[in-house]
N, C-alpha and C. Protein backbone atom coordinates (compact mmCIF):
# COMPACT_ATOMS: atom_id res chain seq x y z
N MET A 1 113.26 133.71 102.96
CA MET A 1 111.86 133.71 102.10
C MET A 1 111.06 132.58 102.13
N LYS A 2 109.83 132.45 101.95
CA LYS A 2 109.18 131.26 101.62
C LYS A 2 107.80 131.33 100.93
N GLU A 3 107.96 130.36 100.00
CA GLU A 3 106.84 130.19 99.07
C GLU A 3 106.00 129.63 99.83
N ILE A 4 104.61 130.20 99.59
CA ILE A 4 103.35 129.34 100.22
C ILE A 4 102.44 128.93 98.95
N SER A 5 102.04 127.75 98.66
CA SER A 5 101.24 127.32 97.83
C SER A 5 100.16 126.92 98.55
N ILE A 6 98.97 127.27 98.17
CA ILE A 6 97.69 127.13 98.73
C ILE A 6 96.72 126.41 97.59
N ILE A 7 96.13 125.50 98.00
CA ILE A 7 95.25 124.76 96.82
C ILE A 7 93.89 124.54 97.76
N ILE A 8 92.84 125.17 97.13
CA ILE A 8 91.72 125.37 97.65
C ILE A 8 90.48 125.27 96.69
N LYS A 9 89.34 125.14 97.25
CA LYS A 9 88.08 124.90 96.55
C LYS A 9 87.85 126.26 95.74
N PRO A 10 87.68 126.70 94.79
CA PRO A 10 87.36 127.91 94.15
C PRO A 10 86.51 128.80 94.56
N GLU A 11 85.27 128.63 95.47
CA GLU A 11 84.44 129.67 95.95
C GLU A 11 85.24 130.05 97.33
N LYS A 12 86.45 129.70 97.55
CA LYS A 12 87.29 130.18 98.70
C LYS A 12 88.21 131.08 98.45
N ILE A 13 88.50 131.46 97.28
CA ILE A 13 89.32 132.71 96.62
C ILE A 13 89.12 134.05 97.23
N GLU A 14 88.12 134.43 97.65
CA GLU A 14 88.11 135.58 98.15
C GLU A 14 88.59 135.82 99.37
N GLN A 15 88.33 134.86 100.25
CA GLN A 15 89.07 134.68 101.77
C GLN A 15 90.31 134.72 101.66
N ILE A 16 91.24 133.80 100.72
CA ILE A 16 92.58 133.91 100.54
C ILE A 16 93.16 135.39 100.31
N LYS A 17 92.38 136.08 99.06
CA LYS A 17 92.88 137.33 98.93
C LYS A 17 92.73 138.35 99.94
N GLU A 18 91.91 138.07 100.79
CA GLU A 18 91.42 138.99 102.17
C GLU A 18 92.58 138.68 103.10
N ILE A 19 93.08 137.59 103.33
CA ILE A 19 94.15 136.95 104.16
C ILE A 19 95.45 137.54 103.64
N ALA A 20 95.58 137.41 102.28
CA ALA A 20 96.59 137.93 101.78
C ALA A 20 97.05 139.35 101.80
N ASP A 21 96.02 140.24 101.71
CA ASP A 21 95.86 141.56 102.08
C ASP A 21 96.14 142.12 103.34
N LYS A 22 95.71 141.32 104.22
CA LYS A 22 95.66 141.66 105.79
C LYS A 22 97.13 141.50 106.44
N HIS A 23 97.91 140.47 105.62
CA HIS A 23 99.21 140.19 105.82
C HIS A 23 100.41 140.88 104.88
N HIS A 24 99.96 141.73 104.27
CA HIS A 24 100.52 142.85 103.15
C HIS A 24 101.55 141.93 102.35
N CYS A 25 100.74 140.68 101.69
CA CYS A 25 101.56 140.07 100.80
C CYS A 25 101.73 141.17 99.47
N GLY A 26 102.88 141.06 99.10
CA GLY A 26 103.27 142.00 97.54
C GLY A 26 102.95 141.63 96.55
N GLY A 27 102.09 140.54 96.59
CA GLY A 27 101.76 139.86 95.39
C GLY A 27 101.36 138.60 95.41
N MET A 28 100.59 137.85 94.42
CA MET A 28 100.32 136.62 94.46
C MET A 28 100.07 136.12 93.02
N THR A 29 99.97 134.90 92.68
CA THR A 29 99.74 134.37 91.39
C THR A 29 98.71 133.19 92.00
N ILE A 30 97.67 133.32 91.17
CA ILE A 30 96.76 132.55 91.10
C ILE A 30 96.33 131.63 89.76
N SER A 31 96.10 130.50 90.02
CA SER A 31 96.01 129.46 88.81
C SER A 31 94.64 128.42 89.02
N THR A 32 94.08 128.23 87.58
CA THR A 32 93.04 127.30 87.90
C THR A 32 93.45 125.92 87.84
N VAL A 33 93.46 125.07 88.37
CA VAL A 33 93.96 123.40 88.42
C VAL A 33 92.96 122.82 88.61
N MET A 34 93.32 121.60 88.08
CA MET A 34 92.61 120.18 88.59
C MET A 34 93.20 119.43 89.39
N GLY A 35 92.77 118.65 90.07
CA GLY A 35 93.33 117.49 90.98
C GLY A 35 92.43 116.87 91.88
N CYS A 36 93.07 115.93 92.71
CA CYS A 36 92.62 115.29 93.40
C CYS A 36 93.40 114.76 94.95
N GLY A 37 93.13 114.71 96.02
CA GLY A 37 93.81 114.12 97.00
C GLY A 37 93.18 112.82 97.23
N THR A 38 93.43 112.33 98.50
CA THR A 38 93.09 111.13 99.31
C THR A 38 91.81 110.51 98.75
N GLN A 39 90.78 111.61 98.47
CA GLN A 39 89.29 111.06 97.92
C GLN A 39 89.29 110.35 96.71
N LEU A 40 90.40 110.85 95.86
CA LEU A 40 90.15 110.32 94.45
C LEU A 40 89.42 111.00 93.56
N GLY A 41 88.99 112.49 93.96
CA GLY A 41 87.59 113.07 93.10
C GLY A 41 86.53 112.36 93.71
N TYR A 42 85.34 112.81 92.95
CA TYR A 42 84.08 112.48 93.43
C TYR A 42 83.71 111.08 92.71
N ALA A 43 82.93 110.19 93.54
CA ALA A 43 82.38 109.06 93.05
C ALA A 43 81.59 109.08 91.88
N ASP A 44 81.91 108.24 90.65
CA ASP A 44 80.97 108.45 89.44
C ASP A 44 80.45 107.09 88.93
N GLY A 45 80.59 105.96 90.09
CA GLY A 45 80.07 104.96 89.65
C GLY A 45 81.02 104.04 88.85
N GLY A 46 82.37 104.53 88.36
CA GLY A 46 83.18 104.29 87.27
C GLY A 46 83.62 102.77 87.60
N SER A 47 84.20 102.01 86.72
CA SER A 47 84.83 100.77 87.02
C SER A 47 85.53 100.36 88.12
N VAL A 48 85.13 99.51 88.67
CA VAL A 48 85.69 98.93 89.78
C VAL A 48 86.16 97.36 89.53
N VAL A 49 87.66 97.21 89.88
CA VAL A 49 88.53 96.01 89.56
C VAL A 49 89.03 95.55 90.84
N LYS A 50 88.46 94.21 91.44
CA LYS A 50 88.92 93.82 92.61
C LYS A 50 89.01 94.63 93.66
N GLY A 51 87.68 95.34 93.70
CA GLY A 51 87.36 96.15 95.02
C GLY A 51 87.91 97.88 94.65
N MET A 52 88.76 98.01 93.55
CA MET A 52 89.32 99.31 93.27
C MET A 52 89.11 100.00 91.92
N HIS A 53 88.77 101.23 92.29
CA HIS A 53 88.39 102.20 91.16
C HIS A 53 89.37 102.21 90.20
N THR A 54 89.10 102.14 89.11
CA THR A 54 90.07 102.08 88.01
C THR A 54 90.31 103.74 87.39
N SER A 55 89.47 104.44 87.68
CA SER A 55 89.63 105.80 87.13
C SER A 55 89.79 106.87 88.37
N ILE A 56 90.40 107.80 88.28
CA ILE A 56 90.47 108.91 89.07
C ILE A 56 90.02 110.21 88.55
N ASN A 57 89.04 110.83 89.33
CA ASN A 57 88.31 111.97 88.83
C ASN A 57 88.97 113.16 89.28
N LEU A 58 89.39 114.29 88.35
CA LEU A 58 89.81 115.51 88.89
C LEU A 58 89.03 116.73 89.11
N LEU A 59 89.08 117.27 90.16
CA LEU A 59 88.18 118.31 90.72
C LEU A 59 88.90 119.77 90.33
N PRO A 60 88.00 120.42 90.05
CA PRO A 60 88.57 121.97 89.77
C PRO A 60 88.87 122.49 91.15
N LYS A 61 90.28 123.27 91.15
CA LYS A 61 90.80 123.78 92.30
C LYS A 61 91.43 125.02 92.04
N ILE A 62 91.70 126.01 92.75
CA ILE A 62 92.59 127.13 92.79
C ILE A 62 93.64 127.24 93.26
N ARG A 63 94.84 127.47 92.91
CA ARG A 63 96.14 127.38 93.62
C ARG A 63 96.65 128.73 93.71
N VAL A 64 97.09 129.21 95.10
CA VAL A 64 97.42 130.69 95.25
C VAL A 64 98.71 130.59 95.77
N ASP A 65 99.69 131.10 95.04
CA ASP A 65 101.23 131.21 95.46
C ASP A 65 101.48 132.55 95.69
N VAL A 66 102.28 132.34 97.21
CA VAL A 66 102.60 133.76 97.61
C VAL A 66 104.04 133.51 98.05
N VAL A 67 105.01 134.51 97.83
CA VAL A 67 106.22 134.71 98.53
C VAL A 67 106.14 135.63 99.59
N VAL A 68 106.37 135.32 100.83
CA VAL A 68 106.62 136.15 102.02
C VAL A 68 107.86 135.95 102.81
N LYS A 69 108.26 136.92 103.79
CA LYS A 69 109.24 136.91 104.61
C LYS A 69 108.68 135.70 105.56
N ASN A 70 110.03 135.38 106.24
CA ASN A 70 109.99 134.02 107.03
C ASN A 70 108.98 134.29 108.26
N ALA A 71 108.98 135.47 108.70
CA ALA A 71 108.45 136.03 109.76
C ALA A 71 106.98 135.91 109.76
N ALA A 72 106.39 136.05 108.49
CA ALA A 72 104.95 136.06 108.01
C ALA A 72 104.22 134.69 107.89
N VAL A 73 105.18 133.69 107.72
CA VAL A 73 104.37 132.25 107.44
C VAL A 73 103.40 131.50 108.30
N ASN A 74 103.70 131.71 109.48
CA ASN A 74 102.65 130.89 110.43
C ASN A 74 101.69 131.94 110.71
N GLU A 75 101.63 132.92 110.92
CA GLU A 75 100.33 133.97 111.01
C GLU A 75 99.42 133.64 109.82
N ILE A 76 100.17 133.40 108.47
CA ILE A 76 99.36 133.21 107.33
C ILE A 76 98.42 131.97 107.39
N ILE A 77 99.50 130.94 107.79
CA ILE A 77 98.78 129.65 107.82
C ILE A 77 97.68 129.38 108.74
N LEU A 78 98.06 130.09 110.19
CA LEU A 78 96.95 129.93 111.07
C LEU A 78 95.56 130.71 110.67
N ASP A 79 95.89 131.89 109.80
CA ASP A 79 94.40 132.32 109.43
C ASP A 79 93.78 131.65 108.26
N ILE A 80 94.58 131.09 107.47
CA ILE A 80 94.14 129.98 106.38
C ILE A 80 93.37 128.95 107.01
N CYS A 81 94.10 128.45 108.13
CA CYS A 81 93.29 127.31 108.76
C CYS A 81 92.23 127.56 109.38
N ASP A 82 91.95 128.80 110.00
CA ASP A 82 90.75 129.16 110.61
C ASP A 82 89.69 129.70 109.81
N LYS A 83 90.10 130.27 108.52
CA LYS A 83 89.09 130.91 107.78
C LYS A 83 88.45 130.08 106.72
N ILE A 84 89.43 129.22 106.00
CA ILE A 84 89.01 128.19 104.74
C ILE A 84 88.34 126.89 105.14
N PRO A 85 88.40 126.26 105.87
CA PRO A 85 87.76 124.88 106.10
C PRO A 85 86.33 125.11 106.44
N THR A 86 86.14 123.68 105.43
CA THR A 86 84.46 123.82 105.39
C THR A 86 84.04 122.70 106.68
N GLY A 87 85.03 121.71 106.84
CA GLY A 87 84.87 120.62 107.73
C GLY A 87 84.66 119.55 106.67
N ASN A 88 84.73 119.47 105.35
CA ASN A 88 84.48 118.52 104.38
C ASN A 88 85.91 117.96 103.83
N VAL A 89 86.03 116.97 103.28
CA VAL A 89 86.87 116.34 102.34
C VAL A 89 87.17 117.38 101.17
N GLY A 90 88.41 117.80 100.96
CA GLY A 90 88.57 118.69 99.60
C GLY A 90 88.96 119.81 99.96
N ASP A 91 89.01 120.29 101.28
CA ASP A 91 89.33 121.85 101.75
C ASP A 91 90.37 122.22 100.97
N GLY A 92 91.46 121.37 100.91
CA GLY A 92 92.83 121.69 100.30
C GLY A 92 93.83 121.52 101.06
N LYS A 93 95.28 121.80 100.63
CA LYS A 93 96.18 121.83 101.15
C LYS A 93 97.29 122.93 100.99
N ILE A 94 98.20 123.06 102.10
CA ILE A 94 99.09 124.10 102.13
C ILE A 94 100.53 123.75 102.08
N PHE A 95 101.44 124.06 100.88
CA PHE A 95 102.83 123.81 101.12
C PHE A 95 103.67 124.85 101.30
N VAL A 96 104.74 124.82 101.93
CA VAL A 96 105.73 125.80 101.96
C VAL A 96 107.05 125.31 101.64
N ARG A 97 107.69 126.26 101.01
CA ARG A 97 108.79 125.83 100.16
C ARG A 97 109.91 127.03 100.41
N ASP A 98 111.54 126.88 100.73
CA ASP A 98 112.16 127.61 100.84
C ASP A 98 112.37 128.41 99.41
N ILE A 99 112.57 129.78 99.68
CA ILE A 99 113.06 130.52 98.27
C ILE A 99 114.31 131.19 98.71
N GLU A 100 115.43 130.53 97.77
CA GLU A 100 116.94 131.24 97.98
C GLU A 100 116.93 132.64 97.65
N ASP A 101 116.46 133.04 96.66
CA ASP A 101 116.61 134.48 96.30
C ASP A 101 115.27 134.86 95.37
N ALA A 102 115.20 136.20 95.37
CA ALA A 102 114.08 136.97 94.42
C ALA A 102 114.87 138.15 93.90
N ILE A 103 114.39 138.22 92.57
CA ILE A 103 115.20 139.08 91.68
C ILE A 103 113.82 140.00 91.13
N ARG A 104 113.93 141.32 90.95
CA ARG A 104 113.15 142.16 90.19
C ARG A 104 113.52 142.42 88.88
N ILE A 105 112.94 141.93 87.94
CA ILE A 105 113.63 141.91 86.51
C ILE A 105 113.89 143.12 86.12
N ARG A 106 113.01 144.20 86.33
CA ARG A 106 112.93 145.45 85.92
C ARG A 106 114.32 146.17 86.28
N THR A 107 114.68 146.10 87.64
CA THR A 107 115.92 146.68 88.36
C THR A 107 117.08 145.88 88.64
N GLY A 108 117.02 144.69 88.71
CA GLY A 108 118.00 143.82 89.22
C GLY A 108 118.07 143.62 90.57
N GLU A 109 117.26 144.31 91.26
CA GLU A 109 117.05 144.40 92.93
C GLU A 109 117.18 142.93 93.24
N ARG A 110 117.67 142.55 94.37
CA ARG A 110 117.63 140.95 94.94
C ARG A 110 117.21 140.96 96.36
N GLY A 111 116.81 139.89 96.65
CA GLY A 111 116.50 139.62 98.20
C GLY A 111 115.11 139.95 98.45
N GLU A 112 114.92 140.19 99.62
CA GLU A 112 113.26 140.44 100.45
C GLU A 112 112.87 141.60 100.01
N GLY A 113 113.87 142.67 99.52
CA GLY A 113 113.46 143.91 99.27
C GLY A 113 112.16 143.93 98.13
N VAL A 114 112.56 142.83 97.04
CA VAL A 114 111.64 142.53 96.00
C VAL A 114 110.10 142.51 96.27
N LEU A 115 109.97 141.82 97.41
CA LEU A 115 108.70 141.30 98.01
C LEU A 115 107.97 142.63 98.04
């Protein structure tokens, strides 16, 4: 099993939900987050010391976490990379992590069956 964490612009959430539904993701967790990548947020004319900005701006983003079977990972990533980009800086990132186990709390069932 793999956990896919997708950080995107807020206006892209509906497309991500459609992709998750298309690939029969059993569930997802969606969080509102703030952050920045290499663009360090938007330029605000803030303090500059020796050519370096002294403050980092945080931009609103959405983080979507899904846990899927290994076989589904590449197709999900391909769909995200096809449907989400705007071509501008700040489109987001995808992180993939191994999941050792999953447990359904109600029944104690373990493994891929809980997905």
